[in-house]
Amino acid sequence: MWGIYRGLPIVLEKGLAKIVIETDSTIAQEMIIDGPPPNCLYRAIVEDARHFLQRCNCSIQHIMQEANQCADKLANMDTNQVEHLFVIEGPPPEVRSFIVADMMGTAYQRI
């Protein structure tokens, strides 16, 4: 949820549109599409994400973890960052082969 919430303002700032956000969290997808339940601790974040999603004309869809090696690799790279927010303009060399595998629909097992 935090990645979606933090990424949408960047999409707006860069003037991007028709972006498809892929998440392996069905809970995050459902809350953003349908709205958070009344007792949700993250209600404000979900509502903000819903607002940003509408403003940037983006969509959100579920994708299995095993079908998105690139996102998994990027998430693991993030754990090694010292900065609170790290924005990249293009794919780092270490994920390029994963992009091709994802495009080809190659599944993998998470370790």
PDB file of N, CA and C in Angstrom:
ATOM      1  N   MET A   1       0.830  -1.194   0.000  1.00  0.00           N
ATOM      2  CA  MET A   1       0.000   0.000   0.000  1.00  0.00           C
ATOM      3  C   MET A   1       0.871   1.253   0.000  1.00  0.00           C
ATOM      4  N   TRP A   2       1.950   1.200   0.783  1.00  0.00           N
ATOM      5  CA  TRP A   2       2.821   2.375   0.837  1.00  0.00           C
ATOM      6  C   TRP A   2       3.456   2.664  -0.519  1.00  0.00           C
ATOM      7  N   GLY A   3       3.862   1.630  -1.232  1.00  0.00           N
ATOM      8  CA  GLY A   3       4.472   1.834  -2.544  1.00  0.00           C
ATOM      9  C   GLY A   3       3.502   2.482  -3.516  1.00  0.00           C
ATOM     10  N   ILE A   4       2.259   2.046  -3.492  1.00  0.00           N
ATOM     11  CA  ILE A   4       1.230   2.632  -4.365  1.00  0.00           C
ATOM     12  C   ILE A   4       0.976   4.076  -3.950  1.00  0.00           C
ATOM     13  N   TYR A   5       0.812   4.273  -2.653  1.00  0.00           N
ATOM     14  CA  TYR A   5       0.539   5.608  -2.113  1.00  0.00           C
ATOM     15  C   TYR A   5       1.664   6.595  -2.433  1.00  0.00           C
ATOM     16  N   ARG A   6       2.912   6.153  -2.297  1.00  0.00           N
ATOM     17  CA  ARG A   6       4.047   7.043  -2.552  1.00  0.00           C
ATOM     18  C   ARG A   6       4.322   7.215  -4.050  1.00  0.00           C
ATOM     19  N   GLY A   7       3.958   6.218  -4.850  1.00  0.00           N
ATOM     20  CA  GLY A   7       4.234   6.275  -6.281  1.00  0.00           C
ATOM     21  C   GLY A   7       3.259   7.126  -7.073  1.00  0.00           C
ATOM     22  N   LEU A   8       1.998   7.170  -6.669  1.00  0.00           N
ATOM     23  CA  LEU A   8       0.991   7.916  -7.438  1.00  0.00           C
ATOM     24  C   LEU A   8       1.278   9.417  -7.538  1.00  0.00           C
ATOM     25  N   PRO A   9       1.712  10.091  -6.475  1.00  0.00           N
ATOM     26  CA  PRO A   9       2.058  11.509  -6.644  1.00  0.00           C
ATOM     27  C   PRO A   9       3.204  11.729  -7.630  1.00  0.00           C
ATOM     28  N   ILE A  10       4.114  10.773  -7.708  1.00  0.00           N
ATOM     29  CA  ILE A  10       5.222  10.878  -8.668  1.00  0.00           C
ATOM     30  C   ILE A  10       4.681  10.757 -10.086  1.00  0.00           C
ATOM     31  N   VAL A  11       3.724   9.855 -10.290  1.00  0.00           N
ATOM     32  CA  VAL A  11       3.082   9.709 -11.599  1.00  0.00           C
ATOM     33  C   VAL A  11       2.438  11.038 -11.999  1.00  0.00           C
ATOM     34  N   LEU A  12       1.728  11.659 -11.064  1.00  0.00           N
ATOM     35  CA  LEU A  12       1.080  12.952 -11.341  1.00  0.00           C
ATOM     36  C   LEU A  12       2.104  14.040 -11.626  1.00  0.00           C
ATOM     37  N   GLU A  13       3.149  14.101 -10.807  1.00  0.00           N
ATOM     38  CA  GLU A  13       4.187  15.122 -10.958  1.00  0.00           C
ATOM     39  C   GLU A  13       4.868  15.035 -12.323  1.00  0.00           C
ATOM     40  N   LYS A  14       5.070  13.818 -12.807  1.00  0.00           N
ATOM     41  CA  LYS A  14       5.740  13.631 -14.095  1.00  0.00           C
ATOM     42  C   LYS A  14       4.777  13.731 -15.278  1.00  0.00           C
ATOM     43  N   GLY A  15       3.479  13.907 -14.983  1.00  0.00           N
ATOM     44  CA  GLY A  15       2.499  14.058 -16.051  1.00  0.00           C
ATOM     45  C   GLY A  15       2.208  12.767 -16.797  1.00  0.00           C
ATOM     46  N   LEU A  16       2.429  11.646 -16.172  1.00  0.00           N
ATOM     47  CA  LEU A  16       2.176  10.360 -16.816  1.00  0.00           C
ATOM     48  C   LEU A  16       0.694  10.021 -16.717  1.00  0.00           C
ATOM     49  N   ALA A  17       0.198   9.275 -17.662  1.00  0.00           N
ATOM     50  CA  ALA A  17      -1.215   8.879 -17.644  1.00  0.00           C
ATOM     51  C   ALA A  17      -1.339   7.470 -18.194  1.00  0.00           C
ATOM     52  N   LYS A  18      -2.486   6.878 -17.925  1.00  0.00           N
ATOM     53  CA  LYS A  18      -2.795   5.528 -18.389  1.00  0.00           C
ATOM     54  C   LYS A  18      -1.756   4.509 -17.916  1.00  0.00           C
ATOM     55  N   ILE A  19      -1.304   4.692 -16.704  1.00  0.00           N
ATOM     56  CA  ILE A  19      -0.362   3.768 -16.088  1.00  0.00           C
ATOM     57  C   ILE A  19      -1.158   2.618 -15.475  1.00  0.00           C
ATOM     58  N   VAL A  20      -0.656   1.406 -15.639  1.00  0.00           N
ATOM     59  CA  VAL A  20      -1.259   0.242 -15.007  1.00  0.00           C
ATOM     60  C   VAL A  20      -0.369  -0.134 -13.829  1.00  0.00           C
ATOM     61  N   ILE A  21      -0.935  -0.058 -12.642  1.00  0.00           N
ATOM     62  CA  ILE A  21      -0.209  -0.422 -11.431  1.00  0.00           C
ATOM     63  C   ILE A  21      -0.498  -1.881 -11.153  1.00  0.00           C
ATOM     64  N   GLU A  22       0.554  -2.671 -11.022  1.00  0.00           N
ATOM     65  CA  GLU A  22       0.408  -4.086 -10.717  1.00  0.00           C
ATOM     66  C   GLU A  22       0.823  -4.317  -9.269  1.00  0.00           C
ATOM     67  N   THR A  23      -0.018  -5.023  -8.540  1.00  0.00           N
ATOM     68  CA  THR A  23       0.282  -5.342  -7.152  1.00  0.00           C
ATOM     69  C   THR A  23      -0.011  -6.803  -6.877  1.00  0.00           C
ATOM     70  N   ASP A  24       0.801  -7.397  -6.016  1.00  0.00           N
ATOM     71  CA  ASP A  24       0.513  -8.779  -5.625  1.00  0.00           C
ATOM     72  C   ASP A  24      -0.360  -8.820  -4.378  1.00  0.00           C
ATOM     73  N   SER A  25      -0.787  -7.661  -3.906  1.00  0.00           N
ATOM     74  CA  SER A  25      -1.646  -7.588  -2.728  1.00  0.00           C
ATOM     75  C   SER A  25      -3.100  -7.392  -3.148  1.00  0.00           C
ATOM     76  N   THR A  26      -3.884  -8.451  -3.033  1.00  0.00           N
ATOM     77  CA  THR A  26      -5.303  -8.322  -3.367  1.00  0.00           C
ATOM     78  C   THR A  26      -6.003  -7.385  -2.380  1.00  0.00           C
ATOM     79  N   ILE A  27      -5.523  -7.352  -1.150  1.00  0.00           N
ATOM     80  CA  ILE A  27      -6.126  -6.461  -0.152  1.00  0.00           C
ATOM     81  C   ILE A  27      -5.922  -5.003  -0.551  1.00  0.00           C
ATOM     82  N   ALA A  28      -4.704  -4.641  -0.952  1.00  0.00           N
ATOM     83  CA  ALA A  28      -4.441  -3.268  -1.382  1.00  0.00           C
ATOM     84  C   ALA A  28      -5.291  -2.922  -2.599  1.00  0.00           C
ATOM     85  N   GLN A  29      -5.353  -3.829  -3.571  1.00  0.00           N
ATOM     86  CA  GLN A  29      -6.144  -3.586  -4.774  1.00  0.00           C
ATOM     87  C   GLN A  29      -7.615  -3.378  -4.424  1.00  0.00           C
ATOM     88  N   GLU A  30      -8.166  -4.248  -3.606  1.00  0.00           N
ATOM     89  CA  GLU A  30      -9.584  -4.148  -3.247  1.00  0.00           C
ATOM     90  C   GLU A  30      -9.881  -2.863  -2.478  1.00  0.00           C
ATOM     91  N   MET A  31      -8.996  -2.498  -1.547  1.00  0.00           N
ATOM     92  CA  MET A  31      -9.243  -1.280  -0.774  1.00  0.00           C
ATOM     93  C   MET A  31      -9.179  -0.034  -1.653  1.00  0.00           C
ATOM     94  N   ILE A  32      -8.268  -0.029  -2.609  1.00  0.00           N
ATOM     95  CA  ILE A  32      -8.166   1.140  -3.474  1.00  0.00           C
ATOM     96  C   ILE A  32      -9.353   1.212  -4.432  1.00  0.00           C
ATOM     97  N   ILE A  33      -9.809   0.080  -4.929  1.00  0.00           N
ATOM     98  CA  ILE A  33     -10.942   0.073  -5.852  1.00  0.00           C
ATOM     99  C   ILE A  33     -12.257   0.299  -5.115  1.00  0.00           C
ATOM    100  N   ASP A  34     -12.476  -0.437  -4.030  1.00  0.00           N
ATOM    101  CA  ASP A  34     -13.768  -0.409  -3.335  1.00  0.00           C
ATOM    102  C   ASP A  34     -13.819   0.545  -2.154  1.00  0.00           C
ATOM    103  N   GLY A  35     -12.682   1.007  -1.699  1.00  0.00           N
ATOM    104  CA  GLY A  35     -12.629   1.847  -0.513  1.00  0.00           C
ATOM    105  C   GLY A  35     -12.302   1.013   0.712  1.00  0.00           C
ATOM    106  N   PRO A  36     -11.725   1.643   1.713  1.00  0.00           N
ATOM    107  CA  PRO A  36     -11.326   0.901   2.907  1.00  0.00           C
ATOM    108  C   PRO A  36     -12.526   0.578   3.790  1.00  0.00           C
ATOM    109  N   PRO A  37     -12.417  -0.487   4.574  1.00  0.00           N
ATOM    110  CA  PRO A  37     -13.486  -0.768   5.536  1.00  0.00           C
ATOM    111  C   PRO A  37     -13.501   0.316   6.616  1.00  0.00           C
ATOM    112  N   PRO A  38     -14.618   0.477   7.302  1.00  0.00           N
ATOM    113  CA  PRO A  38     -14.752   1.555   8.285  1.00  0.00           C
ATOM    114  C   PRO A  38     -13.693   1.552   9.385  1.00  0.00           C
ATOM    115  N   ASN A  39     -13.235   0.388   9.799  1.00  0.00           N
ATOM    116  CA  ASN A  39     -12.276   0.312  10.900  1.00  0.00           C
ATOM    117  C   ASN A  39     -10.824   0.214  10.434  1.00  0.00           C
ATOM    118  N   CYS A  40     -10.539   0.544   9.193  1.00  0.00           N
ATOM    119  CA  CYS A  40      -9.195   0.412   8.613  1.00  0.00           C
ATOM    120  C   CYS A  40      -8.226   1.420   9.245  1.00  0.00           C
ATOM    121  N   LEU A  41      -7.102   0.913   9.729  1.00  0.00           N
ATOM    122  CA  LEU A  41      -6.089   1.781  10.333  1.00  0.00           C
ATOM    123  C   LEU A  41      -5.432   2.704   9.304  1.00  0.00           C
ATOM    124  N   TYR A  42      -5.455   2.295   8.059  1.00  0.00           N
ATOM    125  CA  TYR A  42      -4.797   3.047   6.987  1.00  0.00           C
ATOM    126  C   TYR A  42      -5.797   3.790   6.116  1.00  0.00           C
ATOM    127  N   ARG A  43      -6.935   4.118   6.663  1.00  0.00           N
ATOM    128  CA  ARG A  43      -8.018   4.748   5.910  1.00  0.00           C
ATOM    129  C   ARG A  43      -7.563   6.000   5.158  1.00  0.00           C
ATOM    130  N   ALA A  44      -6.835   6.883   5.816  1.00  0.00           N
ATOM    131  CA  ALA A  44      -6.398   8.133   5.178  1.00  0.00           C
ATOM    132  C   ALA A  44      -5.472   7.856   3.993  1.00  0.00           C
ATOM    133  N   ILE A  45      -4.580   6.907   4.149  1.00  0.00           N
ATOM    134  CA  ILE A  45      -3.651   6.562   3.070  1.00  0.00           C
ATOM    135  C   ILE A  45      -4.414   5.969   1.889  1.00  0.00           C
ATOM    136  N   VAL A  46      -5.348   5.085   2.176  1.00  0.00           N
ATOM    137  CA  VAL A  46      -6.143   4.456   1.108  1.00  0.00           C
ATOM    138  C   VAL A  46      -6.969   5.515   0.390  1.00  0.00           C
ATOM    139  N   GLU A  47      -7.613   6.400   1.125  1.00  0.00           N
ATOM    140  CA  GLU A  47      -8.431   7.447   0.500  1.00  0.00           C
ATOM    141  C   GLU A  47      -7.569   8.367  -0.369  1.00  0.00           C
ATOM    142  N   ASP A  48      -6.391   8.727   0.112  1.00  0.00           N
ATOM    143  CA  ASP A  48      -5.482   9.555  -0.692  1.00  0.00           C
ATOM    144  C   ASP A  48      -5.061   8.816  -1.962  1.00  0.00           C
ATOM    145  N   ALA A  49      -4.727   7.532  -1.831  1.00  0.00           N
ATOM    146  CA  ALA A  49      -4.327   6.738  -2.997  1.00  0.00           C
ATOM    147  C   ALA A  49      -5.467   6.663  -4.010  1.00  0.00           C
ATOM    148  N   ARG A  50      -6.688   6.482  -3.534  1.00  0.00           N
ATOM    149  CA  ARG A  50      -7.852   6.446  -4.431  1.00  0.00           C
ATOM    150  C   ARG A  50      -7.996   7.774  -5.180  1.00  0.00           C
ATOM    151  N   HIS A  51      -7.798   8.871  -4.467  1.00  0.00           N
ATOM    152  CA  HIS A  51      -7.901  10.198  -5.073  1.00  0.00           C
ATOM    153  C   HIS A  51      -6.822  10.392  -6.142  1.00  0.00           C
ATOM    154  N   PHE A  52      -5.579  10.041  -5.806  1.00  0.00           N
ATOM    155  CA  PHE A  52      -4.478  10.166  -6.772  1.00  0.00           C
ATOM    156  C   PHE A  52      -4.726   9.283  -7.994  1.00  0.00           C
ATOM    157  N   LEU A  53      -5.217   8.067  -7.773  1.00  0.00           N
ATOM    158  CA  LEU A  53      -5.467   7.135  -8.866  1.00  0.00           C
ATOM    159  C   LEU A  53      -6.473   7.721  -9.857  1.00  0.00           C
ATOM    160  N   GLN A  54      -7.518   8.363  -9.350  1.00  0.00           N
ATOM    161  CA  GLN A  54      -8.519   8.988 -10.218  1.00  0.00           C
ATOM    162  C   GLN A  54      -7.927  10.175 -10.972  1.00  0.00           C
ATOM    163  N   ARG A  55      -7.111  10.968 -10.309  1.00  0.00           N
ATOM    164  CA  ARG A  55      -6.538  12.162 -10.934  1.00  0.00           C
ATOM    165  C   ARG A  55      -5.558  11.834 -12.052  1.00  0.00           C
ATOM    166  N   CYS A  56      -4.846  10.730 -11.934  1.00  0.00           N
ATOM    167  CA  CYS A  56      -3.832  10.433 -12.951  1.00  0.00           C
ATOM    168  C   CYS A  56      -4.329   9.444 -13.994  1.00  0.00           C
ATOM    169  N   ASN A  57      -5.609   9.085 -13.941  1.00  0.00           N
ATOM    170  CA  ASN A  57      -6.175   8.186 -14.936  1.00  0.00           C
ATOM    171  C   ASN A  57      -5.372   6.885 -15.039  1.00  0.00           C
ATOM    172  N   CYS A  58      -5.089   6.302 -13.887  1.00  0.00           N
ATOM    173  CA  CYS A  58      -4.361   5.042 -13.821  1.00  0.00           C
ATOM    174  C   CYS A  58      -5.317   3.927 -13.406  1.00  0.00           C
ATOM    175  N   SER A  59      -4.888   2.714 -13.612  1.00  0.00           N
ATOM    176  CA  SER A  59      -5.667   1.574 -13.145  1.00  0.00           C
ATOM    177  C   SER A  59      -4.772   0.694 -12.279  1.00  0.00           C
ATOM    178  N   ILE A  60      -5.401  -0.178 -11.515  1.00  0.00           N
ATOM    179  CA  ILE A  60      -4.662  -1.073 -10.647  1.00  0.00           C
ATOM    180  C   ILE A  60      -5.165  -2.488 -10.880  1.00  0.00           C
ATOM    181  N   GLN A  61      -4.231  -3.425 -10.955  1.00  0.00           N
ATOM    182  CA  GLN A  61      -4.623  -4.814 -11.171  1.00  0.00           C
ATOM    183  C   GLN A  61      -3.739  -5.736 -10.344  1.00  0.00           C
ATOM    184  N   HIS A  62      -4.297  -6.909 -10.044  1.00  0.00           N
ATOM    185  CA  HIS A  62      -3.556  -7.905  -9.274  1.00  0.00           C
ATOM    186  C   HIS A  62      -2.668  -8.708 -10.205  1.00  0.00           C
ATOM    187  N   ILE A  63      -1.487  -9.038  -9.718  1.00  0.00           N
ATOM    188  CA  ILE A  63      -0.573  -9.923 -10.434  1.00  0.00           C
ATOM    189  C   ILE A  63       0.054 -10.855  -9.400  1.00  0.00           C
ATOM    190  N   MET A  64       0.197 -12.105  -9.761  1.00  0.00           N
ATOM    191  CA  MET A  64       0.803 -13.065  -8.839  1.00  0.00           C
ATOM    192  C   MET A  64       2.267 -12.703  -8.599  1.00  0.00           C
ATOM    193  N   GLN A  65       2.733 -12.895  -7.380  1.00  0.00           N
ATOM    194  CA  GLN A  65       4.130 -12.632  -7.042  1.00  0.00           C
ATOM    195  C   GLN A  65       5.069 -13.383  -7.978  1.00  0.00           C
ATOM    196  N   GLU A  66       4.733 -14.619  -8.258  1.00  0.00           N
ATOM    197  CA  GLU A  66       5.606 -15.463  -9.064  1.00  0.00           C
ATOM    198  C   GLU A  66       5.707 -14.996 -10.516  1.00  0.00           C
ATOM    199  N   ALA A  67       4.828 -14.108 -10.938  1.00  0.00           N
ATOM    200  CA  ALA A  67       4.835 -13.631 -12.321  1.00  0.00           C
ATOM    201  C   ALA A  67       5.470 -12.246 -12.443  1.00  0.00           C
ATOM    202  N   ASN A  68       6.063 -11.759 -11.374  1.00  0.00           N
ATOM    203  CA  ASN A  68       6.631 -10.420 -11.425  1.00  0.00           C
ATOM    204  C   ASN A  68       8.000 -10.391 -10.740  1.00  0.00           C
ATOM    205  N   GLN A  69       8.964 -10.971 -11.414  1.00  0.00           N
ATOM    206  CA  GLN A  69      10.324 -11.019 -10.886  1.00  0.00           C
ATOM    207  C   GLN A  69      10.926  -9.637 -10.742  1.00  0.00           C
ATOM    208  N   CYS A  70      10.601  -8.760 -11.665  1.00  0.00           N
ATOM    209  CA  CYS A  70      11.163  -7.413 -11.666  1.00  0.00           C
ATOM    210  C   CYS A  70      10.781  -6.662 -10.388  1.00  0.00           C
ATOM    211  N   ALA A  71       9.511  -6.682 -10.048  1.00  0.00           N
ATOM    212  CA  ALA A  71       9.059  -5.984  -8.841  1.00  0.00           C
ATOM    213  C   ALA A  71       9.704  -6.584  -7.600  1.00  0.00           C
ATOM    214  N   ASP A  72       9.837  -7.901  -7.583  1.00  0.00           N
ATOM    215  CA  ASP A  72      10.461  -8.555  -6.440  1.00  0.00           C
ATOM    216  C   ASP A  72      11.918  -8.115  -6.308  1.00  0.00           C
ATOM    217  N   LYS A  73      12.631  -8.069  -7.410  1.00  0.00           N
ATOM    218  CA  LYS A  73      14.037  -7.644  -7.395  1.00  0.00           C
ATOM    219  C   LYS A  73      14.147  -6.187  -6.945  1.00  0.00           C
ATOM    220  N   LEU A  74      13.296  -5.331  -7.480  1.00  0.00           N
ATOM    221  CA  LEU A  74      13.322  -3.913  -7.076  1.00  0.00           C
ATOM    222  C   LEU A  74      12.991  -3.753  -5.599  1.00  0.00           C
ATOM    223  N   ALA A  75      12.034  -4.527  -5.105  1.00  0.00           N
ATOM    224  CA  ALA A  75      11.676  -4.452  -3.685  1.00  0.00           C
ATOM    225  C   ALA A  75      12.851  -4.875  -2.813  1.00  0.00           C
ATOM    226  N   ASN A  76      13.570  -5.897  -3.242  1.00  0.00           N
ATOM    227  CA  ASN A  76      14.738  -6.332  -2.480  1.00  0.00           C
ATOM    228  C   ASN A  76      15.865  -5.312  -2.544  1.00  0.00           C
ATOM    229  N   MET A  77      15.995  -4.611  -3.660  1.00  0.00           N
ATOM    230  CA  MET A  77      16.995  -3.555  -3.763  1.00  0.00           C
ATOM    231  C   MET A  77      16.654  -2.423  -2.806  1.00  0.00           C
ATOM    232  N   ASP A  78      15.366  -2.166  -2.641  1.00  0.00           N
ATOM    233  CA  ASP A  78      14.912  -1.080  -1.779  1.00  0.00           C
ATOM    234  C   ASP A  78      15.345  -1.289  -0.338  1.00  0.00           C
ATOM    235  N   THR A  79      15.423  -2.507   0.105  1.00  0.00           N
ATOM    236  CA  THR A  79      15.803  -2.759   1.497  1.00  0.00           C
ATOM    237  C   THR A  79      17.240  -2.339   1.778  1.00  0.00           C
ATOM    238  N   ASN A  80      18.029  -2.185   0.732  1.00  0.00           N
ATOM    239  CA  ASN A  80      19.424  -1.777   0.906  1.00  0.00           C
ATOM    240  C   ASN A  80      19.632  -0.272   0.760  1.00  0.00           C
ATOM    241  N   GLN A  81      18.568   0.475   0.528  1.00  0.00           N
ATOM    242  CA  GLN A  81      18.680   1.921   0.330  1.00  0.00           C
ATOM    243  C   GLN A  81      18.652   2.642   1.663  1.00  0.00           C
ATOM    244  N   VAL A  82      19.436   3.700   1.764  1.00  0.00           N
ATOM    245  CA  VAL A  82      19.433   4.510   2.975  1.00  0.00           C
ATOM    246  C   VAL A  82      18.388   5.618   2.891  1.00  0.00           C
ATOM    247  N   GLU A  83      18.100   6.046   1.683  1.00  0.00           N
ATOM    248  CA  GLU A  83      17.139   7.125   1.487  1.00  0.00           C
ATOM    249  C   GLU A  83      15.720   6.619   1.729  1.00  0.00           C
ATOM    250  N   HIS A  84      14.871   7.534   2.225  1.00  0.00           N
ATOM    251  CA  HIS A  84      13.483   7.179   2.520  1.00  0.00           C
ATOM    252  C   HIS A  84      12.690   6.903   1.236  1.00  0.00           C
ATOM    253  N   LEU A  85      12.963   7.680   0.188  1.00  0.00           N
ATOM    254  CA  LEU A  85      12.293   7.501  -1.096  1.00  0.00           C
ATOM    255  C   LEU A  85      13.353   7.498  -2.184  1.00  0.00           C
ATOM    256  N   PHE A  86      13.315   6.490  -3.012  1.00  0.00           N
ATOM    257  CA  PHE A  86      14.301   6.322  -4.066  1.00  0.00           C
ATOM    258  C   PHE A  86      13.566   6.212  -5.390  1.00  0.00           C
ATOM    259  N   VAL A  87      13.738   7.198  -6.273  1.00  0.00           N
ATOM    260  CA  VAL A  87      13.051   7.217  -7.566  1.00  0.00           C
ATOM    261  C   VAL A  87      14.072   6.936  -8.661  1.00  0.00           C
ATOM    262  N   ILE A  88      13.744   5.991  -9.524  1.00  0.00           N
ATOM    263  CA  ILE A  88      14.625   5.676 -10.647  1.00  0.00           C
ATOM    264  C   ILE A  88      13.915   6.059 -11.941  1.00  0.00           C
ATOM    265  N   GLU A  89      14.663   6.532 -12.897  1.00  0.00           N
ATOM    266  CA  GLU A  89      14.085   6.967 -14.178  1.00  0.00           C
ATOM    267  C   GLU A  89      14.015   5.842 -15.198  1.00  0.00           C
ATOM    268  N   GLY A  90      14.791   4.813 -15.016  1.00  0.00           N
ATOM    269  CA  GLY A  90      14.793   3.687 -15.940  1.00  0.00           C
ATOM    270  C   GLY A  90      15.224   2.444 -15.191  1.00  0.00           C
ATOM    271  N   PRO A  91      15.098   1.298 -15.820  1.00  0.00           N
ATOM    272  CA  PRO A  91      15.435   0.056 -15.108  1.00  0.00           C
ATOM    273  C   PRO A  91      16.935  -0.055 -14.843  1.00  0.00           C
ATOM    274  N   PRO A  92      17.310  -0.347 -13.604  1.00  0.00           N
ATOM    275  CA  PRO A  92      18.723  -0.588 -13.306  1.00  0.00           C
ATOM    276  C   PRO A  92      19.208  -1.827 -14.051  1.00  0.00           C
ATOM    277  N   PRO A  93      20.486  -1.887 -14.367  1.00  0.00           N
ATOM    278  CA  PRO A  93      21.017  -3.040 -15.112  1.00  0.00           C
ATOM    279  C   PRO A  93      20.685  -4.389 -14.477  1.00  0.00           C
ATOM    280  N   GLU A  94      20.654  -4.445 -13.151  1.00  0.00           N
ATOM    281  CA  GLU A  94      20.422  -5.719 -12.474  1.00  0.00           C
ATOM    282  C   GLU A  94      18.993  -6.232 -12.591  1.00  0.00           C
ATOM    283  N   VAL A  95      18.056  -5.452 -13.150  1.00  0.00           N
ATOM    284  CA  VAL A  95      16.681  -5.944 -13.314  1.00  0.00           C
ATOM    285  C   VAL A  95      16.282  -6.117 -14.773  1.00  0.00           C
ATOM    286  N   ARG A  96      17.135  -5.748 -15.692  1.00  0.00           N
ATOM    287  CA  ARG A  96      16.759  -5.808 -17.116  1.00  0.00           C
ATOM    288  C   ARG A  96      16.399  -7.218 -17.572  1.00  0.00           C
ATOM    289  N   SER A  97      17.136  -8.209 -17.133  1.00  0.00           N
ATOM    290  CA  SER A  97      16.810  -9.595 -17.546  1.00  0.00           C
ATOM    291  C   SER A  97      15.475 -10.033 -16.943  1.00  0.00           C
ATOM    292  N   PHE A  98      15.134  -9.509 -15.757  1.00  0.00           N
ATOM    293  CA  PHE A  98      13.857  -9.846 -15.136  1.00  0.00           C
ATOM    294  C   PHE A  98      12.688  -9.215 -15.896  1.00  0.00           C
ATOM    295  N   ILE A  99      12.905  -8.042 -16.465  1.00  0.00           N
ATOM    296  CA  ILE A  99      11.861  -7.387 -17.258  1.00  0.00           C
ATOM    297  C   ILE A  99      11.511  -8.265 -18.460  1.00  0.00           C
ATOM    298  N   VAL A 100      12.531  -8.758 -19.126  1.00  0.00           N
ATOM    299  CA  VAL A 100      12.309  -9.623 -20.286  1.00  0.00           C
ATOM    300  C   VAL A 100      11.567 -10.896 -19.855  1.00  0.00           C
ATOM    301  N   ALA A 101      11.977 -11.481 -18.748  1.00  0.00           N
ATOM    302  CA  ALA A 101      11.321 -12.703 -18.258  1.00  0.00           C
ATOM    303  C   ALA A 101       9.857 -12.426 -17.922  1.00  0.00           C
ATOM    304  N   ASP A 102       9.584 -11.287 -17.294  1.00  0.00           N
ATOM    305  CA  ASP A 102       8.198 -10.932 -16.964  1.00  0.00           C
ATOM    306  C   ASP A 102       7.364 -10.728 -18.223  1.00  0.00           C
ATOM    307  N   MET A 103       7.951 -10.085 -19.225  1.00  0.00           N
ATOM    308  CA  MET A 103       7.234  -9.843 -20.481  1.00  0.00           C
ATOM    309  C   MET A 103       6.893 -11.158 -21.186  1.00  0.00           C
ATOM    310  N   MET A 104       7.761 -12.139 -21.016  1.00  0.00           N
ATOM    311  CA  MET A 104       7.559 -13.447 -21.653  1.00  0.00           C
ATOM    312  C   MET A 104       6.648 -14.341 -20.823  1.00  0.00           C
ATOM    313  N   GLY A 105       6.300 -13.892 -19.610  1.00  0.00           N
ATOM    314  CA  GLY A 105       5.404 -14.668 -18.766  1.00  0.00           C
ATOM    315  C   GLY A 105       6.095 -15.812 -18.041  1.00  0.00           C
ATOM    316  N   THR A 106       7.400 -15.696 -17.867  1.00  0.00           N
ATOM    317  CA  THR A 106       8.151 -16.737 -17.185  1.00  0.00           C
ATOM    318  C   THR A 106       7.875 -16.662 -15.687  1.00  0.00           C
ATOM    319  N   ALA A 107       7.357 -17.745 -15.128  1.00  0.00           N
ATOM    320  CA  ALA A 107       7.095 -17.785 -13.690  1.00  0.00           C
ATOM    321  C   ALA A 107       8.362 -18.211 -12.961  1.00  0.00           C
ATOM    322  N   TYR A 108       8.443 -17.852 -11.696  1.00  0.00           N
ATOM    323  CA  TYR A 108       9.586 -18.240 -10.875  1.00  0.00           C
ATOM    324  C   TYR A 108       9.100 -18.508  -9.466  1.00  0.00           C
ATOM    325  N   GLN A 109       9.917 -19.164  -8.695  1.00  0.00           N
ATOM    326  CA  GLN A 109       9.594 -19.407  -7.292  1.00  0.00           C
ATOM    327  C   GLN A 109      10.381 -18.442  -6.441  1.00  0.00           C
ATOM    328  N   ARG A 110       9.677 -17.802  -5.509  1.00  0.00           N
ATOM    329  CA  ARG A 110      10.348 -16.905  -4.585  1.00  0.00           C
ATOM    330  C   ARG A 110      11.154 -17.723  -3.589  1.00  0.00           C
ATOM    331  N   ILE A 111      12.261 -17.168  -3.191  1.00  0.00           N
ATOM    332  CA  ILE A 111      13.121 -17.857  -2.206  1.00  0.00           C
ATOM    333  C   ILE A 111      12.852 -17.276  -0.835  1.00  0.00           C
TER     334      ILE A 111
END
